Amino acid sequence: MAKRQFTAVYKKSGKWYLGWVEEIPGVNTQGRTLREAKANLKEALQLVIQTSRLMSRIGTEKGIIREPLAVSV
């Protein structure tokens, strides 16, 4: 499994730390400590990627081509 890098953003809001991934909408979390928010965000990102992969394979038809795609930003 390839290791990828994403941008994590954290913000203190009251007693909570909010966290999200800039590059992937829907990967959000919170934690009572920054450490907890970081761990939660890592888990949320893994789950979103795994779920997206599984969902994209459900009901796929013949003739589908899957290949790695690399971009530089």
PDB file of N, CA and C in Angstrom:
ATOM      1  N   MET A   1       0.849  -1.182   0.000  1.00  0.00           N
ATOM      2  CA  MET A   1       0.000   0.000   0.000  1.00  0.00           C
ATOM      3  C   MET A   1       0.894   1.244   0.000  1.00  0.00           C
ATOM      4  N   ALA A   2       0.604   2.140  -0.905  1.00  0.00           N
ATOM      5  CA  ALA A   2       1.405   3.362  -1.039  1.00  0.00           C
ATOM      6  C   ALA A   2       1.088   4.348   0.077  1.00  0.00           C
ATOM      7  N   LYS A   3       2.104   5.038   0.507  1.00  0.00           N
ATOM      8  CA  LYS A   3       1.922   6.078   1.514  1.00  0.00           C
ATOM      9  C   LYS A   3       1.715   7.401   0.793  1.00  0.00           C
ATOM     10  N   ARG A   4       0.684   8.131   1.165  1.00  0.00           N
ATOM     11  CA  ARG A   4       0.370   9.410   0.534  1.00  0.00           C
ATOM     12  C   ARG A   4       0.379  10.501   1.576  1.00  0.00           C
ATOM     13  N   GLN A   5       0.623  11.701   1.136  1.00  0.00           N
ATOM     14  CA  GLN A   5       0.622  12.842   2.049  1.00  0.00           C
ATOM     15  C   GLN A   5      -0.569  13.739   1.779  1.00  0.00           C
ATOM     16  N   PHE A   6      -1.174  14.213   2.860  1.00  0.00           N
ATOM     17  CA  PHE A   6      -2.304  15.129   2.797  1.00  0.00           C
ATOM     18  C   PHE A   6      -2.035  16.280   3.757  1.00  0.00           C
ATOM     19  N   THR A   7      -2.847  17.313   3.670  1.00  0.00           N
ATOM     20  CA  THR A   7      -2.694  18.464   4.552  1.00  0.00           C
ATOM     21  C   THR A   7      -3.767  18.425   5.629  1.00  0.00           C
ATOM     22  N   ALA A   8      -3.353  18.252   6.871  1.00  0.00           N
ATOM     23  CA  ALA A   8      -4.271  18.268   8.007  1.00  0.00           C
ATOM     24  C   ALA A   8      -4.339  19.684   8.556  1.00  0.00           C
ATOM     25  N   VAL A   9      -5.555  20.128   8.873  1.00  0.00           N
ATOM     26  CA  VAL A   9      -5.767  21.460   9.437  1.00  0.00           C
ATOM     27  C   VAL A   9      -6.480  21.278  10.774  1.00  0.00           C
ATOM     28  N   TYR A  10      -6.008  21.965  11.800  1.00  0.00           N
ATOM     29  CA  TYR A  10      -6.605  21.874  13.134  1.00  0.00           C
ATOM     30  C   TYR A  10      -6.963  23.263  13.631  1.00  0.00           C
ATOM     31  N   LYS A  11      -8.065  23.332  14.364  1.00  0.00           N
ATOM     32  CA  LYS A  11      -8.522  24.608  14.918  1.00  0.00           C
ATOM     33  C   LYS A  11      -9.113  24.349  16.299  1.00  0.00           C
ATOM     34  N   LYS A  12      -8.713  25.142  17.264  1.00  0.00           N
ATOM     35  CA  LYS A  12      -9.275  25.034  18.618  1.00  0.00           C
ATOM     36  C   LYS A  12     -10.618  25.749  18.631  1.00  0.00           C
ATOM     37  N   SER A  13     -11.630  25.067  19.130  1.00  0.00           N
ATOM     38  CA  SER A  13     -12.977  25.634  19.216  1.00  0.00           C
ATOM     39  C   SER A  13     -13.538  25.295  20.593  1.00  0.00           C
ATOM     40  N   GLY A  14     -13.501  26.255  21.489  1.00  0.00           N
ATOM     41  CA  GLY A  14     -13.921  25.980  22.863  1.00  0.00           C
ATOM     42  C   GLY A  14     -12.989  24.969  23.494  1.00  0.00           C
ATOM     43  N   LYS A  15     -13.560  23.880  24.000  1.00  0.00           N
ATOM     44  CA  LYS A  15     -12.758  22.831  24.631  1.00  0.00           C
ATOM     45  C   LYS A  15     -12.336  21.746  23.642  1.00  0.00           C
ATOM     46  N   TRP A  16     -12.679  21.906  22.386  1.00  0.00           N
ATOM     47  CA  TRP A  16     -12.417  20.882  21.382  1.00  0.00           C
ATOM     48  C   TRP A  16     -11.415  21.362  20.343  1.00  0.00           C
ATOM     49  N   TYR A  17     -10.740  20.402  19.743  1.00  0.00           N
ATOM     50  CA  TYR A  17      -9.926  20.649  18.561  1.00  0.00           C
ATOM     51  C   TYR A  17     -10.674  20.049  17.374  1.00  0.00           C
ATOM     52  N   LEU A  18     -10.879  20.846  16.352  1.00  0.00           N
ATOM     53  CA  LEU A  18     -11.506  20.384  15.123  1.00  0.00           C
ATOM     54  C   LEU A  18     -10.403  20.098  14.119  1.00  0.00           C
ATOM     55  N   GLY A  19     -10.597  19.081  13.307  1.00  0.00           N
ATOM     56  CA  GLY A  19      -9.594  18.755  12.305  1.00  0.00           C
ATOM     57  C   GLY A  19     -10.241  18.339  11.003  1.00  0.00           C
ATOM     58  N   TRP A  20      -9.581  18.667   9.896  1.00  0.00           N
ATOM     59  CA  TRP A  20     -10.067  18.246   8.586  1.00  0.00           C
ATOM     60  C   TRP A  20      -8.888  18.132   7.635  1.00  0.00           C
ATOM     61  N   VAL A  21      -9.124  17.448   6.524  1.00  0.00           N
ATOM     62  CA  VAL A  21      -8.110  17.277   5.489  1.00  0.00           C
ATOM     63  C   VAL A  21      -8.468  18.200   4.335  1.00  0.00           C
ATOM     64  N   GLU A  22      -7.549  19.091   3.986  1.00  0.00           N
ATOM     65  CA  GLU A  22      -7.797  20.084   2.936  1.00  0.00           C
ATOM     66  C   GLU A  22      -8.167  19.464   1.598  1.00  0.00           C
ATOM     67  N   GLU A  23      -7.495  18.392   1.228  1.00  0.00           N
ATOM     68  CA  GLU A  23      -7.643  17.841  -0.114  1.00  0.00           C
ATOM     69  C   GLU A  23      -8.868  16.956  -0.310  1.00  0.00           C
ATOM     70  N   ILE A  24      -9.474  16.477   0.763  1.00  0.00           N
ATOM     71  CA  ILE A  24     -10.585  15.535   0.615  1.00  0.00           C
ATOM     72  C   ILE A  24     -11.788  16.004   1.427  1.00  0.00           C
ATOM     73  N   PRO A  25     -12.812  16.523   0.752  1.00  0.00           N
ATOM     74  CA  PRO A  25     -14.021  16.953   1.460  1.00  0.00           C
ATOM     75  C   PRO A  25     -14.651  15.787   2.227  1.00  0.00           C
ATOM     76  N   GLY A  26     -15.159  16.069   3.395  1.00  0.00           N
ATOM     77  CA  GLY A  26     -15.842  15.050   4.182  1.00  0.00           C
ATOM     78  C   GLY A  26     -14.973  14.350   5.203  1.00  0.00           C
ATOM     79  N   VAL A  27     -13.675  14.600   5.184  1.00  0.00           N
ATOM     80  CA  VAL A  27     -12.794  14.007   6.192  1.00  0.00           C
ATOM     81  C   VAL A  27     -12.626  15.047   7.293  1.00  0.00           C
ATOM     82  N   ASN A  28     -13.462  14.911   8.321  1.00  0.00           N
ATOM     83  CA  ASN A  28     -13.509  15.857   9.437  1.00  0.00           C
ATOM     84  C   ASN A  28     -13.540  15.078  10.741  1.00  0.00           C
ATOM     85  N   THR A  29     -13.088  15.711  11.809  1.00  0.00           N
ATOM     86  CA  THR A  29     -13.138  15.059  13.110  1.00  0.00           C
ATOM     87  C   THR A  29     -13.013  16.093  14.211  1.00  0.00           C
ATOM     88  N   GLN A  30     -13.014  15.606  15.432  1.00  0.00           N
ATOM     89  CA  GLN A  30     -12.773  16.459  16.590  1.00  0.00           C
ATOM     90  C   GLN A  30     -12.130  15.620  17.681  1.00  0.00           C
ATOM     91  N   GLY A  31     -11.545  16.285  18.649  1.00  0.00           N
ATOM     92  CA  GLY A  31     -10.951  15.604  19.787  1.00  0.00           C
ATOM     93  C   GLY A  31     -10.808  16.576  20.940  1.00  0.00           C
ATOM     94  N   ARG A  32     -10.786  16.042  22.141  1.00  0.00           N
ATOM     95  CA  ARG A  32     -10.636  16.902  23.320  1.00  0.00           C
ATOM     96  C   ARG A  32      -9.218  17.445  23.438  1.00  0.00           C
ATOM     97  N   THR A  33      -8.269  16.730  22.843  1.00  0.00           N
ATOM     98  CA  THR A  33      -6.881  17.199  22.806  1.00  0.00           C
ATOM     99  C   THR A  33      -6.420  17.199  21.348  1.00  0.00           C
ATOM    100  N   LEU A  34      -5.348  17.922  21.072  1.00  0.00           N
ATOM    101  CA  LEU A  34      -4.802  17.932  19.716  1.00  0.00           C
ATOM    102  C   LEU A  34      -4.339  16.530  19.331  1.00  0.00           C
ATOM    103  N   ARG A  35      -3.746  15.839  20.271  1.00  0.00           N
ATOM    104  CA  ARG A  35      -3.289  14.472  20.013  1.00  0.00           C
ATOM    105  C   ARG A  35      -4.453  13.566  19.611  1.00  0.00           C
ATOM    106  N   GLU A  36      -5.569  13.670  20.333  1.00  0.00           N
ATOM    107  CA  GLU A  36      -6.752  12.867  20.022  1.00  0.00           C
ATOM    108  C   GLU A  36      -7.322  13.251  18.652  1.00  0.00           C
ATOM    109  N   ALA A  37      -7.374  14.537  18.358  1.00  0.00           N
ATOM    110  CA  ALA A  37      -7.882  14.995  17.058  1.00  0.00           C
ATOM    111  C   ALA A  37      -7.009  14.460  15.922  1.00  0.00           C
ATOM    112  N   LYS A  38      -5.698  14.452  16.117  1.00  0.00           N
ATOM    113  CA  LYS A  38      -4.790  13.940  15.090  1.00  0.00           C
ATOM    114  C   LYS A  38      -5.023  12.453  14.844  1.00  0.00           C
ATOM    115  N   ALA A  39      -5.153  11.687  15.910  1.00  0.00           N
ATOM    116  CA  ALA A  39      -5.402  10.248  15.768  1.00  0.00           C
ATOM    117  C   ALA A  39      -6.753  10.001  15.101  1.00  0.00           C
ATOM    118  N   ASN A  40      -7.761  10.760  15.511  1.00  0.00           N
ATOM    119  CA  ASN A  40      -9.093  10.612  14.926  1.00  0.00           C
ATOM    120  C   ASN A  40      -9.093  10.970  13.444  1.00  0.00           C
ATOM    121  N   LEU A  41      -8.349  12.013  13.079  1.00  0.00           N
ATOM    122  CA  LEU A  41      -8.316  12.447  11.685  1.00  0.00           C
ATOM    123  C   LEU A  41      -7.628  11.405  10.807  1.00  0.00           C
ATOM    124  N   LYS A  42      -6.569  10.825  11.305  1.00  0.00           N
ATOM    125  CA  LYS A  42      -5.871   9.781  10.555  1.00  0.00           C
ATOM    126  C   LYS A  42      -6.814   8.600  10.300  1.00  0.00           C
ATOM    127  N   GLU A  43      -7.547   8.199  11.334  1.00  0.00           N
ATOM    128  CA  GLU A  43      -8.500   7.096  11.192  1.00  0.00           C
ATOM    129  C   GLU A  43      -9.628   7.463  10.224  1.00  0.00           C
ATOM    130  N   ALA A  44     -10.149   8.682  10.329  1.00  0.00           N
ATOM    131  CA  ALA A  44     -11.229   9.123   9.438  1.00  0.00           C
ATOM    132  C   ALA A  44     -10.773   9.102   7.984  1.00  0.00           C
ATOM    133  N   LEU A  45      -9.565   9.567   7.725  1.00  0.00           N
ATOM    134  CA  LEU A  45      -9.034   9.577   6.362  1.00  0.00           C
ATOM    135  C   LEU A  45      -8.897   8.157   5.826  1.00  0.00           C
ATOM    136  N   GLN A  46      -8.368   7.254   6.628  1.00  0.00           N
ATOM    137  CA  GLN A  46      -8.225   5.859   6.202  1.00  0.00           C
ATOM    138  C   GLN A  46      -9.586   5.255   5.872  1.00  0.00           C
ATOM    139  N   LEU A  47     -10.571   5.509   6.717  1.00  0.00           N
ATOM    140  CA  LEU A  47     -11.908   4.954   6.493  1.00  0.00           C
ATOM    141  C   LEU A  47     -12.567   5.523   5.241  1.00  0.00           C
ATOM    142  N   VAL A  48     -12.425   6.813   5.009  1.00  0.00           N
ATOM    143  CA  VAL A  48     -13.019   7.430   3.815  1.00  0.00           C
ATOM    144  C   VAL A  48     -12.384   6.861   2.548  1.00  0.00           C
ATOM    145  N   ILE A  49     -11.075   6.710   2.537  1.00  0.00           N
ATOM    146  CA  ILE A  49     -10.397   6.164   1.357  1.00  0.00           C
ATOM    147  C   ILE A  49     -10.798   4.711   1.129  1.00  0.00           C
ATOM    148  N   GLN A  50     -10.817   3.904   2.185  1.00  0.00           N
ATOM    149  CA  GLN A  50     -11.216   2.501   2.058  1.00  0.00           C
ATOM    150  C   GLN A  50     -12.649   2.381   1.554  1.00  0.00           C
ATOM    151  N   THR A  51     -13.541   3.175   2.111  1.00  0.00           N
ATOM    152  CA  THR A  51     -14.948   3.127   1.713  1.00  0.00           C
ATOM    153  C   THR A  51     -15.124   3.573   0.269  1.00  0.00           C
ATOM    154  N   SER A  52     -14.427   4.617  -0.131  1.00  0.00           N
ATOM    155  CA  SER A  52     -14.508   5.090  -1.520  1.00  0.00           C
ATOM    156  C   SER A  52     -14.056   4.007  -2.490  1.00  0.00           C
ATOM    157  N   ARG A  53     -12.987   3.318  -2.145  1.00  0.00           N
ATOM    158  CA  ARG A  53     -12.501   2.224  -3.005  1.00  0.00           C
ATOM    159  C   ARG A  53     -13.544   1.122  -3.120  1.00  0.00           C
ATOM    160  N   LEU A  54     -14.094   0.716  -1.989  1.00  0.00           N
ATOM    161  CA  LEU A  54     -15.097  -0.351  -2.008  1.00  0.00           C
ATOM    162  C   LEU A  54     -16.336   0.062  -2.789  1.00  0.00           C
ATOM    163  N   MET A  55     -16.815   1.267  -2.557  1.00  0.00           N
ATOM    164  CA  MET A  55     -18.033   1.734  -3.222  1.00  0.00           C
ATOM    165  C   MET A  55     -17.825   1.877  -4.733  1.00  0.00           C
ATOM    166  N   SER A  56     -16.633   2.251  -5.150  1.00  0.00           N
ATOM    167  CA  SER A  56     -16.385   2.424  -6.584  1.00  0.00           C
ATOM    168  C   SER A  56     -16.350   1.090  -7.319  1.00  0.00           C
ATOM    169  N   ARG A  57     -16.124   0.011  -6.608  1.00  0.00           N
ATOM    170  CA  ARG A  57     -16.066  -1.312  -7.241  1.00  0.00           C
ATOM    171  C   ARG A  57     -17.423  -2.003  -7.286  1.00  0.00           C
ATOM    172  N   ILE A  58     -18.369  -1.512  -6.519  1.00  0.00           N
ATOM    173  CA  ILE A  58     -19.698  -2.121  -6.509  1.00  0.00           C
ATOM    174  C   ILE A  58     -20.414  -1.754  -7.804  1.00  0.00           C
ATOM    175  N   GLY A  59     -20.857  -2.752  -8.514  1.00  0.00           N
ATOM    176  CA  GLY A  59     -21.621  -2.525  -9.731  1.00  0.00           C
ATOM    177  C   GLY A  59     -20.813  -2.037 -10.911  1.00  0.00           C
ATOM    178  N   THR A  60     -19.495  -2.209 -10.870  1.00  0.00           N
ATOM    179  CA  THR A  60     -18.709  -1.776 -12.026  1.00  0.00           C
ATOM    180  C   THR A  60     -18.915  -2.749 -13.174  1.00  0.00           C
ATOM    181  N   GLU A  61     -18.889  -2.218 -14.349  1.00  0.00           N
ATOM    182  CA  GLU A  61     -19.136  -3.002 -15.549  1.00  0.00           C
ATOM    183  C   GLU A  61     -17.824  -3.407 -16.198  1.00  0.00           C
ATOM    184  N   LYS A  62     -17.931  -4.359 -17.134  1.00  0.00           N
ATOM    185  CA  LYS A  62     -16.764  -4.743 -17.920  1.00  0.00           C
ATOM    186  C   LYS A  62     -16.323  -3.544 -18.737  1.00  0.00           C
ATOM    187  N   GLY A  63     -15.058  -3.489 -19.034  1.00  0.00           N
ATOM    188  CA  GLY A  63     -14.539  -2.395 -19.835  1.00  0.00           C
ATOM    189  C   GLY A  63     -14.010  -1.238 -19.009  1.00  0.00           C
ATOM    190  N   ILE A  64     -14.061  -1.360 -17.689  1.00  0.00           N
ATOM    191  CA  ILE A  64     -13.541  -0.317 -16.808  1.00  0.00           C
ATOM    192  C   ILE A  64     -12.021  -0.438 -16.748  1.00  0.00           C
ATOM    193  N   ILE A  65     -11.334   0.661 -16.850  1.00  0.00           N
ATOM    194  CA  ILE A  65      -9.877   0.671 -16.747  1.00  0.00           C
ATOM    195  C   ILE A  65      -9.493   1.421 -15.474  1.00  0.00           C
ATOM    196  N   ARG A  66      -8.701   0.768 -14.639  1.00  0.00           N
ATOM    197  CA  ARG A  66      -8.179   1.402 -13.424  1.00  0.00           C
ATOM    198  C   ARG A  66      -6.668   1.462 -13.545  1.00  0.00           C
ATOM    199  N   GLU A  67      -6.103   2.609 -13.236  1.00  0.00           N
ATOM    200  CA  GLU A  67      -4.648   2.736 -13.277  1.00  0.00           C
ATOM    201  C   GLU A  67      -4.215   3.847 -12.335  1.00  0.00           C
ATOM    202  N   PRO A  68      -2.983   3.782 -11.857  1.00  0.00           N
ATOM    203  CA  PRO A  68      -2.474   4.849 -10.997  1.00  0.00           C
ATOM    204  C   PRO A  68      -2.436   6.175 -11.763  1.00  0.00           C
ATOM    205  N   LEU A  69      -2.672   7.243 -11.062  1.00  0.00           N
ATOM    206  CA  LEU A  69      -2.631   8.585 -11.642  1.00  0.00           C
ATOM    207  C   LEU A  69      -1.814   9.465 -10.711  1.00  0.00           C
ATOM    208  N   ALA A  70      -0.726  10.008 -11.221  1.00  0.00           N
ATOM    209  CA  ALA A  70       0.142  10.857 -10.408  1.00  0.00           C
ATOM    210  C   ALA A  70       0.084  12.285 -10.934  1.00  0.00           C
ATOM    211  N   VAL A  71       0.012  13.229 -10.024  1.00  0.00           N
ATOM    212  CA  VAL A  71       0.037  14.644 -10.386  1.00  0.00           C
ATOM    213  C   VAL A  71       0.983  15.372  -9.445  1.00  0.00           C
ATOM    214  N   SER A  72       1.554  16.430  -9.922  1.00  0.00           N
ATOM    215  CA  SER A  72       2.386  17.288  -9.082  1.00  0.00           C
ATOM    216  C   SER A  72       1.643  18.587  -8.858  1.00  0.00           C
ATOM    217  N   VAL A  73       1.556  19.008  -7.606  1.00  0.00           N
ATOM    218  CA  VAL A  73       0.878  20.271  -7.281  1.00  0.00           C
ATOM    219  C   VAL A  73       1.762  21.124  -6.406  1.00  0.00           C
TER     220      VAL A  73
END
